[in-house]
Amino acid sequence: MIFGWFNSKEVDALAAGMARDLTKRVPPASIDSKGKKAENKQKRTHDLVLRQAHDFARQHKLNLYTKARLANRFKWELLEAGYPKGFVDSMTYELAAIVAAAESEQA
């Protein structure tokens, strides 16, 4: 019962999948790319990744631990992939906000 509260298998898989999608679509080396095409690609990918988190949070009841775990795993996946710290911090903050907003939509 209480151990289910700490079950993070699904959020770990989600964090890894979102980081993999981001890395495949917008590699760390291309984050500083300029130009309308590069910016549009980054924006679309950003929206896609955060939409995945939003949809997951709406479908699953996440507790405090699983929300924190999702954000933390996502952050470390991006850092290990080689993304700049500022970018990672921004994405992680937005992810946490999206997950919190998705929960409030359910209520």
PDB file of N, CA and C in Angstrom:
ATOM      1  N   MET A   1       0.807  -1.189   0.000  1.00  0.00           N
ATOM      2  CA  MET A   1       0.000   0.000   0.000  1.00  0.00           C
ATOM      3  C   MET A   1       0.856   1.262   0.000  1.00  0.00           C
ATOM      4  N   ILE A   2       1.561   1.490   1.100  1.00  0.00           N
ATOM      5  CA  ILE A   2       2.380   2.691   1.186  1.00  0.00           C
ATOM      6  C   ILE A   2       3.568   2.612   0.227  1.00  0.00           C
ATOM      7  N   PHE A   3       4.003   1.381  -0.053  1.00  0.00           N
ATOM      8  CA  PHE A   3       5.146   1.247  -0.960  1.00  0.00           C
ATOM      9  C   PHE A   3       4.774   1.641  -2.390  1.00  0.00           C
ATOM     10  N   GLY A   4       3.517   1.569  -2.734  1.00  0.00           N
ATOM     11  CA  GLY A   4       3.058   2.027  -4.035  1.00  0.00           C
ATOM     12  C   GLY A   4       3.269   3.519  -4.216  1.00  0.00           C
ATOM     13  N   TRP A   5       3.288   4.242  -3.113  1.00  0.00           N
ATOM     14  CA  TRP A   5       3.507   5.683  -3.133  1.00  0.00           C
ATOM     15  C   TRP A   5       4.885   5.997  -3.709  1.00  0.00           C
ATOM     16  N   PHE A   6       5.837   5.098  -3.475  1.00  0.00           N
ATOM     17  CA  PHE A   6       7.212   5.302  -3.934  1.00  0.00           C
ATOM     18  C   PHE A   6       7.503   4.632  -5.272  1.00  0.00           C
ATOM     19  N   ASN A   7       6.514   4.031  -5.886  1.00  0.00           N
ATOM     20  CA  ASN A   7       6.717   3.370  -7.175  1.00  0.00           C
ATOM     21  C   ASN A   7       6.936   4.429  -8.251  1.00  0.00           C
ATOM     22  N   SER A   8       8.134   4.442  -8.787  1.00  0.00           N
ATOM     23  CA  SER A   8       8.477   5.483  -9.763  1.00  0.00           C
ATOM     24  C   SER A   8       8.856   4.909 -11.127  1.00  0.00           C
ATOM     25  N   LYS A   9       8.543   3.662 -11.348  1.00  0.00           N
ATOM     26  CA  LYS A   9       8.933   3.013 -12.597  1.00  0.00           C
ATOM     27  C   LYS A   9       8.384   3.768 -13.814  1.00  0.00           C
ATOM     28  N   GLU A  10       7.105   4.153 -13.758  1.00  0.00           N
ATOM     29  CA  GLU A  10       6.491   4.840 -14.901  1.00  0.00           C
ATOM     30  C   GLU A  10       7.069   6.241 -15.109  1.00  0.00           C
ATOM     31  N   VAL A  11       7.290   6.990 -14.034  1.00  0.00           N
ATOM     32  CA  VAL A  11       7.834   8.336 -14.213  1.00  0.00           C
ATOM     33  C   VAL A  11       9.294   8.295 -14.650  1.00  0.00           C
ATOM     34  N   ASP A  12      10.032   7.281 -14.209  1.00  0.00           N
ATOM     35  CA  ASP A  12      11.410   7.127 -14.677  1.00  0.00           C
ATOM     36  C   ASP A  12      11.437   6.864 -16.183  1.00  0.00           C
ATOM     37  N   ALA A  13      10.541   6.000 -16.636  1.00  0.00           N
ATOM     38  CA  ALA A  13      10.465   5.692 -18.070  1.00  0.00           C
ATOM     39  C   ALA A  13      10.034   6.921 -18.865  1.00  0.00           C
ATOM     40  N   LEU A  14       9.099   7.683 -18.322  1.00  0.00           N
ATOM     41  CA  LEU A  14       8.661   8.903 -18.998  1.00  0.00           C
ATOM     42  C   LEU A  14       9.800   9.910 -19.106  1.00  0.00           C
ATOM     43  N   ALA A  15      10.519  10.133 -18.017  1.00  0.00           N
ATOM     44  CA  ALA A  15      11.633  11.086 -18.025  1.00  0.00           C
ATOM     45  C   ALA A  15      12.692  10.678 -19.049  1.00  0.00           C
ATOM     46  N   ALA A  16      13.024   9.405 -19.072  1.00  0.00           N
ATOM     47  CA  ALA A  16      14.022   8.920 -20.034  1.00  0.00           C
ATOM     48  C   ALA A  16      13.515   9.068 -21.461  1.00  0.00           C
ATOM     49  N   GLY A  17      12.265   8.763 -21.686  1.00  0.00           N
ATOM     50  CA  GLY A  17      11.696   8.888 -23.031  1.00  0.00           C
ATOM     51  C   GLY A  17      11.642  10.327 -23.512  1.00  0.00           C
ATOM     52  N   MET A  18      11.246  11.245 -22.627  1.00  0.00           N
ATOM     53  CA  MET A  18      11.195  12.663 -23.007  1.00  0.00           C
ATOM     54  C   MET A  18      12.593  13.184 -23.317  1.00  0.00           C
ATOM     55  N   ALA A  19      13.569  12.801 -22.504  1.00  0.00           N
ATOM     56  CA  ALA A  19      14.945  13.238 -22.747  1.00  0.00           C
ATOM     57  C   ALA A  19      15.473  12.653 -24.054  1.00  0.00           C
ATOM     58  N   ARG A  20      15.134  11.396 -24.324  1.00  0.00           N
ATOM     59  CA  ARG A  20      15.554  10.753 -25.578  1.00  0.00           C
ATOM     60  C   ARG A  20      14.942  11.462 -26.786  1.00  0.00           C
ATOM     61  N   ASP A  21      13.646  11.801 -26.693  1.00  0.00           N
ATOM     62  CA  ASP A  21      12.988  12.536 -27.778  1.00  0.00           C
ATOM     63  C   ASP A  21      13.649  13.884 -28.011  1.00  0.00           C
ATOM     64  N   LEU A  22      13.915  14.580 -26.929  1.00  0.00           N
ATOM     65  CA  LEU A  22      14.535  15.894 -27.034  1.00  0.00           C
ATOM     66  C   LEU A  22      15.923  15.788 -27.658  1.00  0.00           C
ATOM     67  N   THR A  23      16.705  14.824 -27.204  1.00  0.00           N
ATOM     68  CA  THR A  23      18.065  14.644 -27.710  1.00  0.00           C
ATOM     69  C   THR A  23      18.071  14.276 -29.184  1.00  0.00           C
ATOM     70  N   LYS A  24      17.102  13.454 -29.590  1.00  0.00           N
ATOM     71  CA  LYS A  24      17.032  13.035 -30.992  1.00  0.00           C
ATOM     72  C   LYS A  24      16.628  14.206 -31.897  1.00  0.00           C
ATOM     73  N   ARG A  25      15.676  14.999 -31.448  1.00  0.00           N
ATOM     74  CA  ARG A  25      15.150  16.087 -32.278  1.00  0.00           C
ATOM     75  C   ARG A  25      16.008  17.348 -32.231  1.00  0.00           C
ATOM     76  N   VAL A  26      16.518  17.660 -31.047  1.00  0.00           N
ATOM     77  CA  VAL A  26      17.343  18.864 -30.880  1.00  0.00           C
ATOM     78  C   VAL A  26      18.568  18.470 -30.052  1.00  0.00           C
ATOM     79  N   PRO A  27      19.622  18.024 -30.712  1.00  0.00           N
ATOM     80  CA  PRO A  27      20.827  17.612 -29.983  1.00  0.00           C
ATOM     81  C   PRO A  27      21.415  18.765 -29.163  1.00  0.00           C
ATOM     82  N   PRO A  28      22.133  18.433 -28.090  1.00  0.00           N
ATOM     83  CA  PRO A  28      22.703  19.482 -27.240  1.00  0.00           C
ATOM     84  C   PRO A  28      23.551  20.507 -28.007  1.00  0.00           C
ATOM     85  N   ALA A  29      24.262  20.063 -29.022  1.00  0.00           N
ATOM     86  CA  ALA A  29      25.121  20.974 -29.789  1.00  0.00           C
ATOM     87  C   ALA A  29      24.322  22.010 -30.571  1.00  0.00           C
ATOM     88  N   SER A  30      23.053  21.734 -30.843  1.00  0.00           N
ATOM     89  CA  SER A  30      22.257  22.655 -31.656  1.00  0.00           C
ATOM     90  C   SER A  30      21.416  23.628 -30.822  1.00  0.00           C
ATOM     91  N   ILE A  31      21.549  23.595 -29.517  1.00  0.00           N
ATOM     92  CA  ILE A  31      20.752  24.471 -28.646  1.00  0.00           C
ATOM     93  C   ILE A  31      21.042  25.940 -28.920  1.00  0.00           C
ATOM     94  N   ASP A  32      22.278  26.260 -29.196  1.00  0.00           N
ATOM     95  CA  ASP A  32      22.646  27.656 -29.434  1.00  0.00           C
ATOM     96  C   ASP A  32      22.503  28.066 -30.893  1.00  0.00           C
ATOM     97  N   SER A  33      21.940  27.204 -31.732  1.00  0.00           N
ATOM     98  CA  SER A  33      21.757  27.523 -33.146  1.00  0.00           C
ATOM     99  C   SER A  33      20.804  28.697 -33.313  1.00  0.00           C
ATOM    100  N   LYS A  34      21.123  29.534 -34.243  1.00  0.00           N
ATOM    101  CA  LYS A  34      20.295  30.701 -34.538  1.00  0.00           C
ATOM    102  C   LYS A  34      19.575  30.477 -35.857  1.00  0.00           C
ATOM    103  N   GLY A  35      18.601  31.273 -36.092  1.00  0.00           N
ATOM    104  CA  GLY A  35      17.838  31.176 -37.325  1.00  0.00           C
ATOM    105  C   GLY A  35      16.417  30.749 -37.052  1.00  0.00           C
ATOM    106  N   LYS A  36      15.547  31.165 -37.936  1.00  0.00           N
ATOM    107  CA  LYS A  36      14.118  30.903 -37.754  1.00  0.00           C
ATOM    108  C   LYS A  36      13.811  29.399 -37.768  1.00  0.00           C
ATOM    109  N   LYS A  37      14.451  28.652 -38.667  1.00  0.00           N
ATOM    110  CA  LYS A  37      14.199  27.219 -38.772  1.00  0.00           C
ATOM    111  C   LYS A  37      14.615  26.495 -37.489  1.00  0.00           C
ATOM    112  N   ALA A  38      15.795  26.805 -36.972  1.00  0.00           N
ATOM    113  CA  ALA A  38      16.282  26.171 -35.744  1.00  0.00           C
ATOM    114  C   ALA A  38      15.405  26.536 -34.556  1.00  0.00           C
ATOM    115  N   GLU A  39      14.992  27.794 -34.475  1.00  0.00           N
ATOM    116  CA  GLU A  39      14.136  28.232 -33.373  1.00  0.00           C
ATOM    117  C   GLU A  39      12.767  27.562 -33.431  1.00  0.00           C
ATOM    118  N   ASN A  40      12.209  27.425 -34.625  1.00  0.00           N
ATOM    119  CA  ASN A  40      10.915  26.754 -34.775  1.00  0.00           C
ATOM    120  C   ASN A  40      11.005  25.282 -34.366  1.00  0.00           C
ATOM    121  N   LYS A  41      12.087  24.624 -34.762  1.00  0.00           N
ATOM    122  CA  LYS A  41      12.272  23.229 -34.409  1.00  0.00           C
ATOM    123  C   LYS A  41      12.400  23.069 -32.898  1.00  0.00           C
ATOM    124  N   GLN A  42      13.153  23.967 -32.270  1.00  0.00           N
ATOM    125  CA  GLN A  42      13.308  23.916 -30.818  1.00  0.00           C
ATOM    126  C   GLN A  42      11.977  24.153 -30.116  1.00  0.00           C
ATOM    127  N   LYS A  43      11.200  25.079 -30.617  1.00  0.00           N
ATOM    128  CA  LYS A  43       9.902  25.396 -30.006  1.00  0.00           C
ATOM    129  C   LYS A  43       8.942  24.217 -30.138  1.00  0.00           C
ATOM    130  N   ARG A  44       8.866  23.615 -31.317  1.00  0.00           N
ATOM    131  CA  ARG A  44       7.990  22.459 -31.523  1.00  0.00           C
ATOM    132  C   ARG A  44       8.389  21.296 -30.626  1.00  0.00           C
ATOM    133  N   THR A  45       9.682  21.045 -30.531  1.00  0.00           N
ATOM    134  CA  THR A  45      10.171  19.952 -29.701  1.00  0.00           C
ATOM    135  C   THR A  45       9.910  20.235 -28.227  1.00  0.00           C
ATOM    136  N   HIS A  46      10.154  21.457 -27.817  1.00  0.00           N
ATOM    137  CA  HIS A  46       9.880  21.891 -26.437  1.00  0.00           C
ATOM    138  C   HIS A  46       8.423  21.627 -26.094  1.00  0.00           C
ATOM    139  N   ASP A  47       7.515  22.047 -26.976  1.00  0.00           N
ATOM    140  CA  ASP A  47       6.084  21.866 -26.749  1.00  0.00           C
ATOM    141  C   ASP A  47       5.702  20.386 -26.717  1.00  0.00           C
ATOM    142  N   LEU A  48       6.284  19.588 -27.599  1.00  0.00           N
ATOM    143  CA  LEU A  48       5.996  18.159 -27.654  1.00  0.00           C
ATOM    144  C   LEU A  48       6.401  17.458 -26.355  1.00  0.00           C
ATOM    145  N   VAL A  49       7.592  17.749 -25.892  1.00  0.00           N
ATOM    146  CA  VAL A  49       8.099  17.115 -24.676  1.00  0.00           C
ATOM    147  C   VAL A  49       7.230  17.490 -23.474  1.00  0.00           C
ATOM    148  N   LEU A  50       6.896  18.761 -23.351  1.00  0.00           N
ATOM    149  CA  LEU A  50       6.082  19.188 -22.218  1.00  0.00           C
ATOM    150  C   LEU A  50       4.642  18.689 -22.336  1.00  0.00           C
ATOM    151  N   ARG A  51       4.147  18.529 -23.544  1.00  0.00           N
ATOM    152  CA  ARG A  51       2.799  17.974 -23.730  1.00  0.00           C
ATOM    153  C   ARG A  51       2.757  16.514 -23.276  1.00  0.00           C
ATOM    154  N   GLN A  52       3.847  15.781 -23.503  1.00  0.00           N
ATOM    155  CA  GLN A  52       3.921  14.393 -23.031  1.00  0.00           C
ATOM    156  C   GLN A  52       3.780  14.341 -21.510  1.00  0.00           C
ATOM    157  N   ALA A  53       4.471  15.238 -20.823  1.00  0.00           N
ATOM    158  CA  ALA A  53       4.397  15.281 -19.362  1.00  0.00           C
ATOM    159  C   ALA A  53       2.999  15.678 -18.906  1.00  0.00           C
ATOM    160  N   HIS A  54       2.407  16.647 -19.573  1.00  0.00           N
ATOM    161  CA  HIS A  54       1.058  17.096 -19.236  1.00  0.00           C
ATOM    162  C   HIS A  54       0.049  15.960 -19.391  1.00  0.00           C
ATOM    163  N   ASP A  55       0.101  15.275 -20.520  1.00  0.00           N
ATOM    164  CA  ASP A  55      -0.827  14.183 -20.777  1.00  0.00           C
ATOM    165  C   ASP A  55      -0.647  13.051 -19.763  1.00  0.00           C
ATOM    166  N   PHE A  56       0.603  12.745 -19.435  1.00  0.00           N
ATOM    167  CA  PHE A  56       0.884  11.704 -18.454  1.00  0.00           C
ATOM    168  C   PHE A  56       0.322  12.087 -17.084  1.00  0.00           C
ATOM    169  N   ALA A  57       0.534  13.336 -16.685  1.00  0.00           N
ATOM    170  CA  ALA A  57       0.058  13.792 -15.376  1.00  0.00           C
ATOM    171  C   ALA A  57      -1.467  13.792 -15.303  1.00  0.00           C
ATOM    172  N   ARG A  58      -2.118  14.048 -16.412  1.00  0.00           N
ATOM    173  CA  ARG A  58      -3.589  14.015 -16.428  1.00  0.00           C
ATOM    174  C   ARG A  58      -4.116  12.593 -16.336  1.00  0.00           C
ATOM    175  N   GLN A  59      -3.381  11.643 -16.890  1.00  0.00           N
ATOM    176  CA  GLN A  59      -3.835  10.249 -16.903  1.00  0.00           C
ATOM    177  C   GLN A  59      -3.474   9.488 -15.623  1.00  0.00           C
ATOM    178  N   HIS A  60      -2.452   9.931 -14.923  1.00  0.00           N
ATOM    179  CA  HIS A  60      -1.978   9.254 -13.719  1.00  0.00           C
ATOM    180  C   HIS A  60      -2.062  10.198 -12.529  1.00  0.00           C
ATOM    181  N   LYS A  61      -2.419   9.679 -11.411  1.00  0.00           N
ATOM    182  CA  LYS A  61      -2.441  10.501 -10.203  1.00  0.00           C
ATOM    183  C   LYS A  61      -1.034  10.481  -9.614  1.00  0.00           C
ATOM    184  N   LEU A  62      -0.337  11.594  -9.745  1.00  0.00           N
ATOM    185  CA  LEU A  62       1.026  11.690  -9.242  1.00  0.00           C
ATOM    186  C   LEU A  62       1.015  12.281  -7.839  1.00  0.00           C
ATOM    187  N   ASN A  63       1.799  11.697  -6.973  1.00  0.00           N
ATOM    188  CA  ASN A  63       1.934  12.252  -5.625  1.00  0.00           C
ATOM    189  C   ASN A  63       3.172  13.144  -5.569  1.00  0.00           C
ATOM    190  N   LEU A  64       3.429  13.706  -4.422  1.00  0.00           N
ATOM    191  CA  LEU A  64       4.555  14.624  -4.273  1.00  0.00           C
ATOM    192  C   LEU A  64       5.874  13.971  -4.670  1.00  0.00           C
ATOM    193  N   TYR A  65       6.073  12.736  -4.233  1.00  0.00           N
ATOM    194  CA  TYR A  65       7.312  12.033  -4.541  1.00  0.00           C
ATOM    195  C   TYR A  65       7.475  11.804  -6.040  1.00  0.00           C
ATOM    196  N   THR A  66       6.422  11.325  -6.715  1.00  0.00           N
ATOM    197  CA  THR A  66       6.552  11.016  -8.135  1.00  0.00           C
ATOM    198  C   THR A  66       6.715  12.282  -8.978  1.00  0.00           C
ATOM    199  N   LYS A  67       6.114  13.382  -8.555  1.00  0.00           N
ATOM    200  CA  LYS A  67       6.322  14.655  -9.272  1.00  0.00           C
ATOM    201  C   LYS A  67       7.773  15.088  -9.165  1.00  0.00           C
ATOM    202  N   ALA A  68       8.301  15.030  -7.950  1.00  0.00           N
ATOM    203  CA  ALA A  68       9.693  15.421  -7.744  1.00  0.00           C
ATOM    204  C   ALA A  68      10.637  14.476  -8.475  1.00  0.00           C
ATOM    205  N   ARG A  69      10.326  13.204  -8.441  1.00  0.00           N
ATOM    206  CA  ARG A  69      11.148  12.205  -9.114  1.00  0.00           C
ATOM    207  C   ARG A  69      11.170  12.447 -10.626  1.00  0.00           C
ATOM    208  N   LEU A  70      10.016  12.744 -11.206  1.00  0.00           N
ATOM    209  CA  LEU A  70       9.933  13.014 -12.636  1.00  0.00           C
ATOM    210  C   LEU A  70      10.818  14.195 -13.023  1.00  0.00           C
ATOM    211  N   ALA A  71      10.688  15.286 -12.294  1.00  0.00           N
ATOM    212  CA  ALA A  71      11.490  16.476 -12.603  1.00  0.00           C
ATOM    213  C   ALA A  71      12.979  16.199 -12.416  1.00  0.00           C
ATOM    214  N   ASN A  72      13.323  15.513 -11.334  1.00  0.00           N
ATOM    215  CA  ASN A  72      14.729  15.235 -11.056  1.00  0.00           C
ATOM    216  C   ASN A  72      15.345  14.305 -12.088  1.00  0.00           C
ATOM    217  N   ARG A  73      14.637  13.242 -12.447  1.00  0.00           N
ATOM    218  CA  ARG A  73      15.157  12.305 -13.452  1.00  0.00           C
ATOM    219  C   ARG A  73      15.318  12.992 -14.808  1.00  0.00           C
ATOM    220  N   PHE A  74      14.335  13.806 -15.179  1.00  0.00           N
ATOM    221  CA  PHE A  74      14.403  14.536 -16.441  1.00  0.00           C
ATOM    222  C   PHE A  74      15.617  15.469 -16.440  1.00  0.00           C
ATOM    223  N   LYS A  75      15.798  16.175 -15.339  1.00  0.00           N
ATOM    224  CA  LYS A  75      16.928  17.097 -15.225  1.00  0.00           C
ATOM    225  C   LYS A  75      18.254  16.360 -15.413  1.00  0.00           C
ATOM    226  N   TRP A  76      18.429  15.238 -14.724  1.00  0.00           N
ATOM    227  CA  TRP A  76      19.692  14.517 -14.818  1.00  0.00           C
ATOM    228  C   TRP A  76      19.882  13.853 -16.174  1.00  0.00           C
ATOM    229  N   GLU A  77      18.811  13.422 -16.789  1.00  0.00           N
ATOM    230  CA  GLU A  77      18.917  12.862 -18.144  1.00  0.00           C
ATOM    231  C   GLU A  77      19.450  13.925 -19.111  1.00  0.00           C
ATOM    232  N   LEU A  78      18.927  15.151 -18.998  1.00  0.00           N
ATOM    233  CA  LEU A  78      19.370  16.235 -19.883  1.00  0.00           C
ATOM    234  C   LEU A  78      20.811  16.645 -19.586  1.00  0.00           C
ATOM    235  N   LEU A  79      21.166  16.729 -18.305  1.00  0.00           N
ATOM    236  CA  LEU A  79      22.546  17.094 -17.956  1.00  0.00           C
ATOM    237  C   LEU A  79      23.530  16.044 -18.465  1.00  0.00           C
ATOM    238  N   GLU A  80      23.176  14.779 -18.304  1.00  0.00           N
ATOM    239  CA  GLU A  80      24.051  13.707 -18.786  1.00  0.00           C
ATOM    240  C   GLU A  80      24.146  13.686 -20.307  1.00  0.00           C
ATOM    241  N   ALA A  81      23.108  14.163 -20.986  1.00  0.00           N
ATOM    242  CA  ALA A  81      23.138  14.225 -22.451  1.00  0.00           C
ATOM    243  C   ALA A  81      24.019  15.378 -22.945  1.00  0.00           C
ATOM    244  N   GLY A  82      24.345  16.325 -22.059  1.00  0.00           N
ATOM    245  CA  GLY A  82      25.248  17.409 -22.430  1.00  0.00           C
ATOM    246  C   GLY A  82      24.592  18.753 -22.684  1.00  0.00           C
ATOM    247  N   TYR A  83      23.335  18.915 -22.273  1.00  0.00           N
ATOM    248  CA  TYR A  83      22.666  20.204 -22.451  1.00  0.00           C
ATOM    249  C   TYR A  83      23.213  21.224 -21.462  1.00  0.00           C
ATOM    250  N   PRO A  84      23.225  22.509 -21.837  1.00  0.00           N
ATOM    251  CA  PRO A  84      23.704  23.555 -20.930  1.00  0.00           C
ATOM    252  C   PRO A  84      22.813  23.645 -19.685  1.00  0.00           C
ATOM    253  N   LYS A  85      23.422  23.958 -18.547  1.00  0.00           N
ATOM    254  CA  LYS A  85      22.705  23.994 -17.274  1.00  0.00           C
ATOM    255  C   LYS A  85      21.529  24.962 -17.296  1.00  0.00           C
ATOM    256  N   GLY A  86      21.675  26.125 -17.885  1.00  0.00           N
ATOM    257  CA  GLY A  86      20.580  27.086 -17.949  1.00  0.00           C
ATOM    258  C   GLY A  86      19.381  26.533 -18.698  1.00  0.00           C
ATOM    259  N   PHE A  87      19.633  25.868 -19.803  1.00  0.00           N
ATOM    260  CA  PHE A  87      18.566  25.244 -20.583  1.00  0.00           C
ATOM    261  C   PHE A  87      17.888  24.151 -19.772  1.00  0.00           C
ATOM    262  N   VAL A  88      18.687  23.325 -19.116  1.00  0.00           N
ATOM    263  CA  VAL A  88      18.155  22.221 -18.311  1.00  0.00           C
ATOM    264  C   VAL A  88      17.290  22.753 -17.170  1.00  0.00           C
ATOM    265  N   ASP A  89      17.775  23.773 -16.483  1.00  0.00           N
ATOM    266  CA  ASP A  89      17.012  24.350 -15.377  1.00  0.00           C
ATOM    267  C   ASP A  89      15.680  24.915 -15.856  1.00  0.00           C
ATOM    268  N   SER A  90      15.704  25.573 -16.993  1.00  0.00           N
ATOM    269  CA  SER A  90      14.486  26.146 -17.551  1.00  0.00           C
ATOM    270  C   SER A  90      13.484  25.057 -17.925  1.00  0.00           C
ATOM    271  N   MET A  91      13.948  24.024 -18.605  1.00  0.00           N
ATOM    272  CA  MET A  91      13.068  22.922 -19.004  1.00  0.00           C
ATOM    273  C   MET A  91      12.501  22.201 -17.783  1.00  0.00           C
ATOM    274  N   THR A  92      13.332  21.999 -16.774  1.00  0.00           N
ATOM    275  CA  THR A  92      12.887  21.300 -15.565  1.00  0.00           C
ATOM    276  C   THR A  92      11.832  22.114 -14.827  1.00  0.00           C
ATOM    277  N   TYR A  93      12.034  23.417 -14.742  1.00  0.00           N
ATOM    278  CA  TYR A  93      11.057  24.283 -14.082  1.00  0.00           C
ATOM    279  C   TYR A  93       9.719  24.237 -14.824  1.00  0.00           C
ATOM    280  N   GLU A  94       9.788  24.325 -16.146  1.00  0.00           N
ATOM    281  CA  GLU A  94       8.557  24.267 -16.940  1.00  0.00           C
ATOM    282  C   GLU A  94       7.866  22.914 -16.799  1.00  0.00           C
ATOM    283  N   LEU A  95       8.642  21.851 -16.757  1.00  0.00           N
ATOM    284  CA  LEU A  95       8.078  20.522 -16.567  1.00  0.00           C
ATOM    285  C   LEU A  95       7.320  20.442 -15.239  1.00  0.00           C
ATOM    286  N   ALA A  96       7.939  20.925 -14.165  1.00  0.00           N
ATOM    287  CA  ALA A  96       7.288  20.893 -12.854  1.00  0.00           C
ATOM    288  C   ALA A  96       6.004  21.725 -12.861  1.00  0.00           C
ATOM    289  N   ALA A  97       6.030  22.869 -13.525  1.00  0.00           N
ATOM    290  CA  ALA A  97       4.840  23.725 -13.601  1.00  0.00           C
ATOM    291  C   ALA A  97       3.727  23.052 -14.407  1.00  0.00           C
ATOM    292  N   ILE A  98       4.085  22.406 -15.496  1.00  0.00           N
ATOM    293  CA  ILE A  98       3.105  21.718 -16.340  1.00  0.00           C
ATOM    294  C   ILE A  98       2.443  20.576 -15.577  1.00  0.00           C
ATOM    295  N   VAL A  99       3.237  19.817 -14.854  1.00  0.00           N
ATOM    296  CA  VAL A  99       2.694  18.689 -14.084  1.00  0.00           C
ATOM    297  C   VAL A  99       1.760  19.201 -12.987  1.00  0.00           C
ATOM    298  N   ALA A 100       2.135  20.269 -12.314  1.00  0.00           N
ATOM    299  CA  ALA A 100       1.272  20.844 -11.274  1.00  0.00           C
ATOM    300  C   ALA A 100      -0.029  21.383 -11.879  1.00  0.00           C
ATOM    301  N   ALA A 101       0.073  22.025 -13.026  1.00  0.00           N
ATOM    302  CA  ALA A 101      -1.129  22.569 -13.683  1.00  0.00           C
ATOM    303  C   ALA A 101      -2.059  21.446 -14.142  1.00  0.00           C
ATOM    304  N   ALA A 102      -1.485  20.356 -14.616  1.00  0.00           N
ATOM    305  CA  ALA A 102      -2.306  19.235 -15.066  1.00  0.00           C
ATOM    306  C   ALA A 102      -3.095  18.655 -13.906  1.00  0.00           C
ATOM    307  N   GLU A 103      -2.503  18.632 -12.749  1.00  0.00           N
ATOM    308  CA  GLU A 103      -3.201  18.107 -11.564  1.00  0.00           C
ATOM    309  C   GLU A 103      -4.351  19.014 -11.174  1.00  0.00           C
ATOM    310  N   SER A 104      -4.146  20.310 -11.260  1.00  0.00           N
ATOM    311  CA  SER A 104      -5.216  21.246 -10.880  1.00  0.00           C
ATOM    312  C   SER A 104      -6.368  21.204 -11.881  1.00  0.00           C
ATOM    313  N   GLU A 105      -6.098  20.809 -13.118  1.00  0.00           N
ATOM    314  CA  GLU A 105      -7.169  20.675 -14.121  1.00  0.00           C
ATOM    315  C   GLU A 105      -8.086  19.512 -13.797  1.00  0.00           C
ATOM    316  N   GLN A 106      -7.546  18.500 -13.128  1.00  0.00           N
ATOM    317  CA  GLN A 106      -8.320  17.312 -12.779  1.00  0.00           C
ATOM    318  C   GLN A 106      -9.314  17.600 -11.665  1.00  0.00           C
ATOM    319  N   ALA A 107      -8.964  18.494 -10.774  1.00  0.00           N
ATOM    320  CA  ALA A 107      -9.798  18.758  -9.591  1.00  0.00           C
ATOM    321  C   ALA A 107     -11.066  19.503  -9.934  1.00  0.00           C
TER     322      ALA A 107
END
